[in-house]
Amino acid sequence: AIAALAAWIAGRGPVRIDDALHGLASADLARARLGQWLAHGATVEMEAGDSRRMTADWLAELIHEEIVALVEWLGPHSFHRGRYASAARIVQEAACASPQPDHVARLAAPLLDTLD
């Protein structure tokens, strides 16, 4: 969700993730899924075989880990210019919002005409 939304905000269009193109619709679907998991306290199955209940605090941890990984992969300059921090903030706020926003584009649109 973060990479696809960041690409849209930065005007780059869809991005390739795991051999598939992801755009704004992918970001919105991922945000909606996270929001539903939070709203219903869904249990997420982990790779190690254990499970964990989705909470806003855990989502914040996951997004922070993703930000750290993106900075390491892209470098600080490309991370900043790519609008990833803004995208991460929007994904987190939208997923935790009640009621859920219709589309992340409405939250991200004001950033299209701004410079970071």
PDB file of N, CA and C in Angstrom:
ATOM      1  N   ALA A   1       0.819  -1.199   0.000  1.00  0.00           N
ATOM      2  CA  ALA A   1       0.000   0.000   0.000  1.00  0.00           C
ATOM      3  C   ALA A   1       0.860   1.259   0.000  1.00  0.00           C
ATOM      4  N   ILE A   2       1.930   1.243   0.785  1.00  0.00           N
ATOM      5  CA  ILE A   2       2.767   2.436   0.918  1.00  0.00           C
ATOM      6  C   ILE A   2       3.461   2.756  -0.398  1.00  0.00           C
ATOM      7  N   ALA A   3       4.094   1.767  -1.008  1.00  0.00           N
ATOM      8  CA  ALA A   3       4.835   2.018  -2.249  1.00  0.00           C
ATOM      9  C   ALA A   3       3.904   2.451  -3.378  1.00  0.00           C
ATOM     10  N   ALA A   4       2.753   1.812  -3.497  1.00  0.00           N
ATOM     11  CA  ALA A   4       1.815   2.165  -4.567  1.00  0.00           C
ATOM     12  C   ALA A   4       1.251   3.564  -4.369  1.00  0.00           C
ATOM     13  N   LEU A   5       0.896   3.915  -3.138  1.00  0.00           N
ATOM     14  CA  LEU A   5       0.367   5.250  -2.871  1.00  0.00           C
ATOM     15  C   LEU A   5       1.452   6.309  -3.051  1.00  0.00           C
ATOM     16  N   ALA A   6       2.669   6.011  -2.611  1.00  0.00           N
ATOM     17  CA  ALA A   6       3.775   6.959  -2.784  1.00  0.00           C
ATOM     18  C   ALA A   6       4.020   7.237  -4.262  1.00  0.00           C
ATOM     19  N   ALA A   7       3.968   6.206  -5.078  1.00  0.00           N
ATOM     20  CA  ALA A   7       4.174   6.389  -6.521  1.00  0.00           C
ATOM     21  C   ALA A   7       3.096   7.288  -7.104  1.00  0.00           C
ATOM     22  N   TRP A   8       1.856   7.117  -6.664  1.00  0.00           N
ATOM     23  CA  TRP A   8       0.759   7.953  -7.165  1.00  0.00           C
ATOM     24  C   TRP A   8       0.956   9.399  -6.738  1.00  0.00           C
ATOM     25  N   ILE A   9       1.289   9.617  -5.466  1.00  0.00           N
ATOM     26  CA  ILE A   9       1.496  10.982  -4.966  1.00  0.00           C
ATOM     27  C   ILE A   9       2.635  11.660  -5.714  1.00  0.00           C
ATOM     28  N   ALA A  10       3.693  10.892  -6.004  1.00  0.00           N
ATOM     29  CA  ALA A  10       4.869  11.446  -6.680  1.00  0.00           C
ATOM     30  C   ALA A  10       4.683  11.547  -8.191  1.00  0.00           C
ATOM     31  N   GLY A  11       3.543  11.073  -8.707  1.00  0.00           N
ATOM     32  CA  GLY A  11       3.273  11.183 -10.134  1.00  0.00           C
ATOM     33  C   GLY A  11       3.950  10.138 -10.986  1.00  0.00           C
ATOM     34  N   ARG A  12       4.347   9.013 -10.391  1.00  0.00           N
ATOM     35  CA  ARG A  12       5.046   7.967 -11.135  1.00  0.00           C
ATOM     36  C   ARG A  12       4.122   6.890 -11.678  1.00  0.00           C
ATOM     37  N   GLY A  13       2.867   6.853 -11.253  1.00  0.00           N
ATOM     38  CA  GLY A  13       1.951   5.818 -11.725  1.00  0.00           C
ATOM     39  C   GLY A  13       2.188   4.491 -11.038  1.00  0.00           C
ATOM     40  N   PRO A  14       1.732   3.395 -11.650  1.00  0.00           N
ATOM     41  CA  PRO A  14       1.860   2.076 -11.028  1.00  0.00           C
ATOM     42  C   PRO A  14       3.318   1.673 -10.820  1.00  0.00           C
ATOM     43  N   VAL A  15       3.542   0.851  -9.790  1.00  0.00           N
ATOM     44  CA  VAL A  15       4.877   0.338  -9.491  1.00  0.00           C
ATOM     45  C   VAL A  15       4.847  -1.183  -9.560  1.00  0.00           C
ATOM     46  N   ARG A  16       5.985  -1.758  -9.899  1.00  0.00           N
ATOM     47  CA  ARG A  16       6.096  -3.216  -9.960  1.00  0.00           C
ATOM     48  C   ARG A  16       6.519  -3.725  -8.584  1.00  0.00           C
ATOM     49  N   ILE A  17       5.676  -4.598  -8.016  1.00  0.00           N
ATOM     50  CA  ILE A  17       5.962  -5.229  -6.730  1.00  0.00           C
ATOM     51  C   ILE A  17       5.699  -6.718  -6.905  1.00  0.00           C
ATOM     52  N   ASP A  18       6.704  -7.535  -6.645  1.00  0.00           N
ATOM     53  CA  ASP A  18       6.559  -8.988  -6.791  1.00  0.00           C
ATOM     54  C   ASP A  18       5.997  -9.367  -8.159  1.00  0.00           C
ATOM     55  N   ASP A  19       6.577  -8.819  -9.207  1.00  0.00           N
ATOM     56  CA  ASP A  19       6.210  -9.129 -10.595  1.00  0.00           C
ATOM     57  C   ASP A  19       4.771  -8.788 -10.965  1.00  0.00           C
ATOM     58  N   ALA A  20       4.171  -7.835 -10.260  1.00  0.00           N
ATOM     59  CA  ALA A  20       2.826  -7.367 -10.608  1.00  0.00           C
ATOM     60  C   ALA A  20       2.805  -5.848 -10.504  1.00  0.00           C
ATOM     61  N   LEU A  21       2.010  -5.220 -11.347  1.00  0.00           N
ATOM     62  CA  LEU A  21       1.869  -3.771 -11.283  1.00  0.00           C
ATOM     63  C   LEU A  21       0.806  -3.405 -10.257  1.00  0.00           C
ATOM     64  N   HIS A  22       1.154  -2.452  -9.391  1.00  0.00           N
ATOM     65  CA  HIS A  22       0.233  -1.993  -8.354  1.00  0.00           C
ATOM     66  C   HIS A  22       0.092  -0.486  -8.456  1.00  0.00           C
ATOM     67  N   GLY A  23      -1.141  -0.024  -8.439  1.00  0.00           N
ATOM     68  CA  GLY A  23      -1.424   1.402  -8.511  1.00  0.00           C
ATOM     69  C   GLY A  23      -2.285   1.840  -7.349  1.00  0.00           C
ATOM     70  N   LEU A  24      -2.979   2.933  -7.552  1.00  0.00           N
ATOM     71  CA  LEU A  24      -3.803   3.521  -6.504  1.00  0.00           C
ATOM     72  C   LEU A  24      -4.881   2.552  -6.019  1.00  0.00           C
ATOM     73  N   ALA A  25      -5.478   1.788  -6.924  1.00  0.00           N
ATOM     74  CA  ALA A  25      -6.512   0.826  -6.511  1.00  0.00           C
ATOM     75  C   ALA A  25      -5.933  -0.233  -5.579  1.00  0.00           C
ATOM     76  N   SER A  26      -4.721  -0.686  -5.853  1.00  0.00           N
ATOM     77  CA  SER A  26      -4.072  -1.667  -4.974  1.00  0.00           C
ATOM     78  C   SER A  26      -3.841  -1.082  -3.593  1.00  0.00           C
ATOM     79  N   ALA A  27      -3.394   0.167  -3.552  1.00  0.00           N
ATOM     80  CA  ALA A  27      -3.173   0.831  -2.264  1.00  0.00           C
ATOM     81  C   ALA A  27      -4.481   0.951  -1.497  1.00  0.00           C
ATOM     82  N   ASP A  28      -5.550   1.278  -2.194  1.00  0.00           N
ATOM     83  CA  ASP A  28      -6.847   1.442  -1.544  1.00  0.00           C
ATOM     84  C   ASP A  28      -7.387   0.107  -1.028  1.00  0.00           C
ATOM     85  N   LEU A  29      -7.215  -0.941  -1.800  1.00  0.00           N
ATOM     86  CA  LEU A  29      -7.655  -2.266  -1.347  1.00  0.00           C
ATOM     87  C   LEU A  29      -6.874  -2.711  -0.113  1.00  0.00           C
ATOM     88  N   ALA A  30      -5.569  -2.487  -0.119  1.00  0.00           N
ATOM     89  CA  ALA A  30      -4.748  -2.864   1.037  1.00  0.00           C
ATOM     90  C   ALA A  30      -5.152  -2.060   2.266  1.00  0.00           C
ATOM     91  N   ARG A  31      -5.386  -0.772   2.098  1.00  0.00           N
ATOM     92  CA  ARG A  31      -5.827   0.071   3.213  1.00  0.00           C
ATOM     93  C   ARG A  31      -7.166  -0.402   3.754  1.00  0.00           C
ATOM     94  N   ALA A  32      -8.088  -0.737   2.865  1.00  0.00           N
ATOM     95  CA  ALA A  32      -9.401  -1.218   3.295  1.00  0.00           C
ATOM     96  C   ALA A  32      -9.281  -2.539   4.046  1.00  0.00           C
ATOM     97  N   ARG A  33      -8.420  -3.413   3.568  1.00  0.00           N
ATOM     98  CA  ARG A  33      -8.210  -4.695   4.241  1.00  0.00           C
ATOM     99  C   ARG A  33      -7.659  -4.467   5.645  1.00  0.00           C
ATOM    100  N   LEU A  34      -6.668  -3.596   5.767  1.00  0.00           N
ATOM    101  CA  LEU A  34      -6.114  -3.281   7.089  1.00  0.00           C
ATOM    102  C   LEU A  34      -7.183  -2.699   8.000  1.00  0.00           C
ATOM    103  N   GLY A  35      -7.997  -1.801   7.459  1.00  0.00           N
ATOM    104  CA  GLY A  35      -9.071  -1.201   8.242  1.00  0.00           C
ATOM    105  C   GLY A  35     -10.075  -2.227   8.731  1.00  0.00           C
ATOM    106  N   GLN A  36     -10.414  -3.190   7.876  1.00  0.00           N
ATOM    107  CA  GLN A  36     -11.339  -4.252   8.277  1.00  0.00           C
ATOM    108  C   GLN A  36     -10.719  -5.151   9.344  1.00  0.00           C
ATOM    109  N   TRP A  37      -9.447  -5.482   9.171  1.00  0.00           N
ATOM    110  CA  TRP A  37      -8.770  -6.299  10.179  1.00  0.00           C
ATOM    111  C   TRP A  37      -8.776  -5.599  11.532  1.00  0.00           C
ATOM    112  N   LEU A  38      -8.510  -4.290  11.516  1.00  0.00           N
ATOM    113  CA  LEU A  38      -8.522  -3.525  12.768  1.00  0.00           C
ATOM    114  C   LEU A  38      -9.926  -3.467  13.366  1.00  0.00           C
ATOM    115  N   ALA A  39     -10.906  -3.169  12.550  1.00  0.00           N
ATOM    116  CA  ALA A  39     -12.282  -3.017  13.033  1.00  0.00           C
ATOM    117  C   ALA A  39     -12.822  -4.299  13.656  1.00  0.00           C
ATOM    118  N   HIS A  40     -12.391  -5.433  13.132  1.00  0.00           N
ATOM    119  CA  HIS A  40     -12.915  -6.711  13.605  1.00  0.00           C
ATOM    120  C   HIS A  40     -11.927  -7.468  14.489  1.00  0.00           C
ATOM    121  N   GLY A  41     -10.777  -6.858  14.781  1.00  0.00           N
ATOM    122  CA  GLY A  41      -9.783  -7.529  15.618  1.00  0.00           C
ATOM    123  C   GLY A  41      -9.344  -8.855  15.031  1.00  0.00           C
ATOM    124  N   ALA A  42      -9.111  -8.867  13.728  1.00  0.00           N
ATOM    125  CA  ALA A  42      -8.759 -10.102  13.028  1.00  0.00           C
ATOM    126  C   ALA A  42      -7.464 -10.693  13.566  1.00  0.00           C
ATOM    127  N   THR A  43      -7.400 -12.006  13.506  1.00  0.00           N
ATOM    128  CA  THR A  43      -6.190 -12.721  13.876  1.00  0.00           C
ATOM    129  C   THR A  43      -5.393 -12.969  12.604  1.00  0.00           C
ATOM    130  N   VAL A  44      -4.134 -12.579  12.618  1.00  0.00           N
ATOM    131  CA  VAL A  44      -3.261 -12.709  11.454  1.00  0.00           C
ATOM    132  C   VAL A  44      -2.322 -13.887  11.685  1.00  0.00           C
ATOM    133  N   GLU A  45      -2.316 -14.814  10.743  1.00  0.00           N
ATOM    134  CA  GLU A  45      -1.421 -15.963  10.823  1.00  0.00           C
ATOM    135  C   GLU A  45      -0.021 -15.528  10.401  1.00  0.00           C
ATOM    136  N   MET A  46       0.955 -15.825  11.229  1.00  0.00           N
ATOM    137  CA  MET A  46       2.336 -15.435  10.965  1.00  0.00           C
ATOM    138  C   MET A  46       3.057 -16.559  10.217  1.00  0.00           C
ATOM    139  N   GLU A  47       4.188 -16.215   9.589  1.00  0.00           N
ATOM    140  CA  GLU A  47       4.959 -17.210   8.840  1.00  0.00           C
ATOM    141  C   GLU A  47       5.464 -18.330   9.737  1.00  0.00           C
ATOM    142  N   ALA A  48       5.774 -18.016  10.991  1.00  0.00           N
ATOM    143  CA  ALA A  48       6.309 -19.011  11.922  1.00  0.00           C
ATOM    144  C   ALA A  48       5.234 -19.973  12.430  1.00  0.00           C
ATOM    145  N   GLY A  49       3.973 -19.735  12.037  1.00  0.00           N
ATOM    146  CA  GLY A  49       2.897 -20.615  12.447  1.00  0.00           C
ATOM    147  C   GLY A  49       2.071 -20.095  13.610  1.00  0.00           C
ATOM    148  N   ASP A  50       2.557 -19.066  14.289  1.00  0.00           N
ATOM    149  CA  ASP A  50       1.773 -18.481  15.376  1.00  0.00           C
ATOM    150  C   ASP A  50       0.822 -17.436  14.797  1.00  0.00           C
ATOM    151  N   SER A  51       0.035 -16.826  15.649  1.00  0.00           N
ATOM    152  CA  SER A  51      -0.910 -15.817  15.181  1.00  0.00           C
ATOM    153  C   SER A  51      -0.900 -14.626  16.132  1.00  0.00           C
ATOM    154  N   ARG A  52      -1.405 -13.508  15.612  1.00  0.00           N
ATOM    155  CA  ARG A  52      -1.443 -12.283  16.404  1.00  0.00           C
ATOM    156  C   ARG A  52      -2.676 -11.484  15.998  1.00  0.00           C
ATOM    157  N   ARG A  53      -3.308 -10.873  16.983  1.00  0.00           N
ATOM    158  CA  ARG A  53      -4.494 -10.056  16.738  1.00  0.00           C
ATOM    159  C   ARG A  53      -4.058  -8.693  16.199  1.00  0.00           C
ATOM    160  N   MET A  54      -4.699  -8.233  15.136  1.00  0.00           N
ATOM    161  CA  MET A  54      -4.374  -6.934  14.547  1.00  0.00           C
ATOM    162  C   MET A  54      -4.874  -5.823  15.458  1.00  0.00           C
ATOM    163  N   THR A  55      -3.971  -4.914  15.800  1.00  0.00           N
ATOM    164  CA  THR A  55      -4.309  -3.733  16.598  1.00  0.00           C
ATOM    165  C   THR A  55      -3.687  -2.511  15.939  1.00  0.00           C
ATOM    166  N   ALA A  56      -4.147  -1.341  16.324  1.00  0.00           N
ATOM    167  CA  ALA A  56      -3.581  -0.095  15.786  1.00  0.00           C
ATOM    168  C   ALA A  56      -2.111   0.030  16.167  1.00  0.00           C
ATOM    169  N   ASP A  57      -1.757  -0.385  17.384  1.00  0.00           N
ATOM    170  CA  ASP A  57      -0.354  -0.319  17.806  1.00  0.00           C
ATOM    171  C   ASP A  57       0.523  -1.239  16.971  1.00  0.00           C
ATOM    172  N   TRP A  58       0.036  -2.445  16.697  1.00  0.00           N
ATOM    173  CA  TRP A  58       0.819  -3.367  15.889  1.00  0.00           C
ATOM    174  C   TRP A  58       0.943  -2.850  14.462  1.00  0.00           C
ATOM    175  N   LEU A  59      -0.129  -2.289  13.924  1.00  0.00           N
ATOM    176  CA  LEU A  59      -0.056  -1.707  12.585  1.00  0.00           C
ATOM    177  C   LEU A  59       0.991  -0.598  12.545  1.00  0.00           C
ATOM    178  N   ALA A  60       1.034   0.239  13.569  1.00  0.00           N
ATOM    179  CA  ALA A  60       2.043   1.302  13.628  1.00  0.00           C
ATOM    180  C   ALA A  60       3.452   0.706  13.627  1.00  0.00           C
ATOM    181  N   GLU A  61       3.650  -0.386  14.362  1.00  0.00           N
ATOM    182  CA  GLU A  61       4.957  -1.062  14.373  1.00  0.00           C
ATOM    183  C   GLU A  61       5.308  -1.592  12.985  1.00  0.00           C
ATOM    184  N   LEU A  62       4.340  -2.229  12.333  1.00  0.00           N
ATOM    185  CA  LEU A  62       4.579  -2.785  11.000  1.00  0.00           C
ATOM    186  C   LEU A  62       4.920  -1.692   9.991  1.00  0.00           C
ATOM    187  N   ILE A  63       4.204  -0.590  10.059  1.00  0.00           N
ATOM    188  CA  ILE A  63       4.474   0.518   9.139  1.00  0.00           C
ATOM    189  C   ILE A  63       5.842   1.118   9.425  1.00  0.00           C
ATOM    190  N   HIS A  64       6.201   1.237  10.695  1.00  0.00           N
ATOM    191  CA  HIS A  64       7.536   1.744  11.041  1.00  0.00           C
ATOM    192  C   HIS A  64       8.619   0.819  10.476  1.00  0.00           C
ATOM    193  N   GLU A  65       8.437  -0.489  10.624  1.00  0.00           N
ATOM    194  CA  GLU A  65       9.403  -1.448  10.077  1.00  0.00           C
ATOM    195  C   GLU A  65       9.506  -1.313   8.558  1.00  0.00           C
ATOM    196  N   GLU A  66       8.380  -1.093   7.895  1.00  0.00           N
ATOM    197  CA  GLU A  66       8.383  -0.916   6.440  1.00  0.00           C
ATOM    198  C   GLU A  66       9.119   0.363   6.049  1.00  0.00           C
ATOM    199  N   ILE A  67       8.925   1.428   6.815  1.00  0.00           N
ATOM    200  CA  ILE A  67       9.626   2.687   6.547  1.00  0.00           C
ATOM    201  C   ILE A  67      11.129   2.494   6.683  1.00  0.00           C
ATOM    202  N   VAL A  68      11.560   1.832   7.751  1.00  0.00           N
ATOM    203  CA  VAL A  68      12.990   1.572   7.954  1.00  0.00           C
ATOM    204  C   VAL A  68      13.551   0.776   6.780  1.00  0.00           C
ATOM    205  N   ALA A  69      12.826  -0.260   6.351  1.00  0.00           N
ATOM    206  CA  ALA A  69      13.283  -1.075   5.224  1.00  0.00           C
ATOM    207  C   ALA A  69      13.354  -0.261   3.933  1.00  0.00           C
ATOM    208  N   LEU A  70      12.376   0.605   3.702  1.00  0.00           N
ATOM    209  CA  LEU A  70      12.386   1.443   2.501  1.00  0.00           C
ATOM    210  C   LEU A  70      13.551   2.428   2.511  1.00  0.00           C
ATOM    211  N   VAL A  71      13.833   3.033   3.655  1.00  0.00           N
ATOM    212  CA  VAL A  71      14.967   3.965   3.748  1.00  0.00           C
ATOM    213  C   VAL A  71      16.270   3.227   3.470  1.00  0.00           C
ATOM    214  N   GLU A  72      16.422   2.029   4.034  1.00  0.00           N
ATOM    215  CA  GLU A  72      17.642   1.246   3.796  1.00  0.00           C
ATOM    216  C   GLU A  72      17.766   0.847   2.332  1.00  0.00           C
ATOM    217  N   TRP A  73      16.658   0.480   1.696  1.00  0.00           N
ATOM    218  CA  TRP A  73      16.680   0.026   0.314  1.00  0.00           C
ATOM    219  C   TRP A  73      16.879   1.179  -0.667  1.00  0.00           C
ATOM    220  N   LEU A  74      16.167   2.283  -0.442  1.00  0.00           N
ATOM    221  CA  LEU A  74      16.189   3.410  -1.378  1.00  0.00           C
ATOM    222  C   LEU A  74      17.264   4.440  -1.079  1.00  0.00           C
ATOM    223  N   GLY A  75      17.648   4.538   0.194  1.00  0.00           N
ATOM    224  CA  GLY A  75      18.497   5.638   0.644  1.00  0.00           C
ATOM    225  C   GLY A  75      17.614   6.791   1.087  1.00  0.00           C
ATOM    226  N   PRO A  76      18.111   7.624   2.003  1.00  0.00           N
ATOM    227  CA  PRO A  76      17.284   8.700   2.562  1.00  0.00           C
ATOM    228  C   PRO A  76      16.765   9.693   1.521  1.00  0.00           C
ATOM    229  N   HIS A  77      17.600  10.069   0.558  1.00  0.00           N
ATOM    230  CA  HIS A  77      17.189  11.070  -0.429  1.00  0.00           C
ATOM    231  C   HIS A  77      16.034  10.543  -1.293  1.00  0.00           C
ATOM    232  N   SER A  78      16.194   9.341  -1.837  1.00  0.00           N
ATOM    233  CA  SER A  78      15.138   8.776  -2.689  1.00  0.00           C
ATOM    234  C   SER A  78      13.871   8.492  -1.889  1.00  0.00           C
ATOM    235  N   PHE A  79      14.025   8.080  -0.636  1.00  0.00           N
ATOM    236  CA  PHE A  79      12.856   7.865   0.220  1.00  0.00           C
ATOM    237  C   PHE A  79      12.083   9.170   0.368  1.00  0.00           C
ATOM    238  N   HIS A  80      12.781  10.241   0.666  1.00  0.00           N
ATOM    239  CA  HIS A  80      12.121  11.535   0.861  1.00  0.00           C
ATOM    240  C   HIS A  80      11.484  12.030  -0.440  1.00  0.00           C
ATOM    241  N   ARG A  81      12.216  12.001  -1.523  1.00  0.00           N
ATOM    242  CA  ARG A  81      11.697  12.496  -2.799  1.00  0.00           C
ATOM    243  C   ARG A  81      10.560  11.622  -3.324  1.00  0.00           C
ATOM    244  N   GLY A  82      10.531  10.358  -2.922  1.00  0.00           N
ATOM    245  CA  GLY A  82       9.499   9.441  -3.395  1.00  0.00           C
ATOM    246  C   GLY A  82       8.175   9.546  -2.663  1.00  0.00           C
ATOM    247  N   ARG A  83       8.106  10.420  -1.651  1.00  0.00           N
ATOM    248  CA  ARG A  83       6.864  10.683  -0.908  1.00  0.00           C
ATOM    249  C   ARG A  83       6.390   9.490  -0.070  1.00  0.00           C
ATOM    250  N   TYR A  84       7.323   8.620   0.310  1.00  0.00           N
ATOM    251  CA  TYR A  84       6.977   7.427   1.081  1.00  0.00           C
ATOM    252  C   TYR A  84       6.485   7.759   2.486  1.00  0.00           C
ATOM    253  N   ALA A  85       7.066   8.747   3.140  1.00  0.00           N
ATOM    254  CA  ALA A  85       6.629   9.109   4.495  1.00  0.00           C
ATOM    255  C   ALA A  85       5.180   9.588   4.477  1.00  0.00           C
ATOM    256  N   SER A  86       4.842  10.415   3.501  1.00  0.00           N
ATOM    257  CA  SER A  86       3.457  10.891   3.382  1.00  0.00           C
ATOM    258  C   SER A  86       2.507   9.731   3.126  1.00  0.00           C
ATOM    259  N   ALA A  87       2.907   8.830   2.251  1.00  0.00           N
ATOM    260  CA  ALA A  87       2.062   7.671   1.941  1.00  0.00           C
ATOM    261  C   ALA A  87       1.867   6.794   3.172  1.00  0.00           C
ATOM    262  N   ALA A  88       2.926   6.568   3.930  1.00  0.00           N
ATOM    263  CA  ALA A  88       2.823   5.742   5.139  1.00  0.00           C
ATOM    264  C   ALA A  88       1.873   6.373   6.149  1.00  0.00           C
ATOM    265  N   ARG A  89       1.973   7.673   6.323  1.00  0.00           N
ATOM    266  CA  ARG A  89       1.089   8.380   7.257  1.00  0.00           C
ATOM    267  C   ARG A  89      -0.364   8.246   6.819  1.00  0.00           C
ATOM    268  N   ILE A  90      -0.616   8.429   5.532  1.00  0.00           N
ATOM    269  CA  ILE A  90      -1.987   8.340   5.017  1.00  0.00           C
ATOM    270  C   ILE A  90      -2.542   6.922   5.175  1.00  0.00           C
ATOM    271  N   VAL A  91      -1.742   5.913   4.849  1.00  0.00           N
ATOM    272  CA  VAL A  91      -2.201   4.527   4.987  1.00  0.00           C
ATOM    273  C   VAL A  91      -2.553   4.232   6.441  1.00  0.00           C
ATOM    274  N   GLN A  92      -1.681   4.635   7.359  1.00  0.00           N
ATOM    275  CA  GLN A  92      -1.941   4.369   8.774  1.00  0.00           C
ATOM    276  C   GLN A  92      -3.187   5.109   9.261  1.00  0.00           C
ATOM    277  N   GLU A  93      -3.285   6.390   8.953  1.00  0.00           N
ATOM    278  CA  GLU A  93      -4.445   7.172   9.396  1.00  0.00           C
ATOM    279  C   GLU A  93      -5.743   6.634   8.788  1.00  0.00           C
ATOM    280  N   ALA A  94      -5.711   6.282   7.510  1.00  0.00           N
ATOM    281  CA  ALA A  94      -6.919   5.789   6.843  1.00  0.00           C
ATOM    282  C   ALA A  94      -7.336   4.427   7.380  1.00  0.00           C
ATOM    283  N   ALA A  95      -6.372   3.548   7.619  1.00  0.00           N
ATOM    284  CA  ALA A  95      -6.693   2.216   8.133  1.00  0.00           C
ATOM    285  C   ALA A  95      -7.286   2.288   9.536  1.00  0.00           C
ATOM    286  N   CYS A  96      -6.840   3.260  10.322  1.00  0.00           N
ATOM    287  CA  CYS A  96      -7.305   3.388  11.707  1.00  0.00           C
ATOM    288  C   CYS A  96      -8.550   4.264  11.839  1.00  0.00           C
ATOM    289  N   ALA A  97      -8.971   4.908  10.768  1.00  0.00           N
ATOM    290  CA  ALA A  97     -10.099   5.846  10.829  1.00  0.00           C
ATOM    291  C   ALA A  97     -11.430   5.123  11.010  1.00  0.00           C
ATOM    292  N   SER A  98     -12.308   5.797  11.716  1.00  0.00           N
ATOM    293  CA  SER A  98     -13.672   5.305  11.857  1.00  0.00           C
ATOM    294  C   SER A  98     -14.606   6.494  11.718  1.00  0.00           C
ATOM    295  N   PRO A  99     -15.410   6.529  10.687  1.00  0.00           N
ATOM    296  CA  PRO A  99     -15.578   5.515   9.656  1.00  0.00           C
ATOM    297  C   PRO A  99     -14.410   5.532   8.668  1.00  0.00           C
ATOM    298  N   GLN A 100     -14.303   4.458   7.919  1.00  0.00           N
ATOM    299  CA  GLN A 100     -13.260   4.340   6.909  1.00  0.00           C
ATOM    300  C   GLN A 100     -13.497   5.348   5.784  1.00  0.00           C
ATOM    301  N   PRO A 101     -12.431   5.969   5.272  1.00  0.00           N
ATOM    302  CA  PRO A 101     -12.602   6.882   4.136  1.00  0.00           C
ATOM    303  C   PRO A 101     -13.014   6.108   2.883  1.00  0.00           C
ATOM    304  N   ASP A 102     -13.687   6.803   1.977  1.00  0.00           N
ATOM    305  CA  ASP A 102     -14.100   6.158   0.727  1.00  0.00           C
ATOM    306  C   ASP A 102     -12.896   5.704  -0.089  1.00  0.00           C
ATOM    307  N   HIS A 103     -11.908   6.594  -0.211  1.00  0.00           N
ATOM    308  CA  HIS A 103     -10.733   6.311  -1.033  1.00  0.00           C
ATOM    309  C   HIS A 103      -9.526   7.026  -0.441  1.00  0.00           C
ATOM    310  N   VAL A 104      -8.343   6.406  -0.536  1.00  0.00           N
ATOM    311  CA  VAL A 104      -7.135   7.087  -0.073  1.00  0.00           C
ATOM    312  C   VAL A 104      -6.791   8.260  -0.981  1.00  0.00           C
ATOM    313  N   ALA A 105      -7.290   8.249  -2.206  1.00  0.00           N
ATOM    314  CA  ALA A 105      -6.997   9.355  -3.125  1.00  0.00           C
ATOM    315  C   ALA A 105      -7.485  10.686  -2.561  1.00  0.00           C
ATOM    316  N   ARG A 106      -8.619  10.663  -1.871  1.00  0.00           N
ATOM    317  CA  ARG A 106      -9.132  11.912  -1.288  1.00  0.00           C
ATOM    318  C   ARG A 106      -8.190  12.458  -0.227  1.00  0.00           C
ATOM    319  N   LEU A 107      -7.568  11.565   0.520  1.00  0.00           N
ATOM    320  CA  LEU A 107      -6.627  11.990   1.555  1.00  0.00           C
ATOM    321  C   LEU A 107      -5.292  12.419   0.954  1.00  0.00           C
ATOM    322  N   ALA A 108      -4.913  11.786  -0.143  1.00  0.00           N
ATOM    323  CA  ALA A 108      -3.614  12.053  -0.754  1.00  0.00           C
ATOM    324  C   ALA A 108      -3.643  13.193  -1.764  1.00  0.00           C
ATOM    325  N   ALA A 109      -4.801  13.499  -2.319  1.00  0.00           N
ATOM    326  CA  ALA A 109      -4.903  14.507  -3.378  1.00  0.00           C
ATOM    327  C   ALA A 109      -4.305  15.861  -3.006  1.00  0.00           C
ATOM    328  N   PRO A 110      -4.485  16.361  -1.784  1.00  0.00           N
ATOM    329  CA  PRO A 110      -3.882  17.656  -1.459  1.00  0.00           C
ATOM    330  C   PRO A 110      -2.354  17.668  -1.580  1.00  0.00           C
ATOM    331  N   LEU A 111      -1.730  16.501  -1.508  1.00  0.00           N
ATOM    332  CA  LEU A 111      -0.271  16.429  -1.608  1.00  0.00           C
ATOM    333  C   LEU A 111       0.226  16.520  -3.044  1.00  0.00           C
ATOM    334  N   LEU A 112      -0.659  16.343  -4.006  1.00  0.00           N
ATOM    335  CA  LEU A 112      -0.229  16.335  -5.407  1.00  0.00           C
ATOM    336  C   LEU A 112       0.371  17.666  -5.839  1.00  0.00           C
ATOM    337  N   ASP A 113      -0.096  18.743  -5.270  1.00  0.00           N
ATOM    338  CA  ASP A 113       0.381  20.064  -5.674  1.00  0.00           C
ATOM    339  C   ASP A 113       1.362  20.679  -4.682  1.00  0.00           C
ATOM    340  N   THR A 114       1.896  19.861  -3.787  1.00  0.00           N
ATOM    341  CA  THR A 114       2.836  20.380  -2.795  1.00  0.00           C
ATOM    342  C   THR A 114       4.216  19.791  -3.016  1.00  0.00           C
ATOM    343  N   LEU A 115       5.177  20.461  -2.479  1.00  0.00           N
ATOM    344  CA  LEU A 115       6.552  19.962  -2.506  1.00  0.00           C
ATOM    345  C   LEU A 115       6.947  19.559  -1.101  1.00  0.00           C
ATOM    346  N   ASP A 116       7.623  18.443  -0.977  1.00  0.00           N
ATOM    347  CA  ASP A 116       8.146  18.035   0.331  1.00  0.00           C
ATOM    348  C   ASP A 116       9.508  18.653   0.534  1.00  0.00           C
TER     349      ASP A 116
END
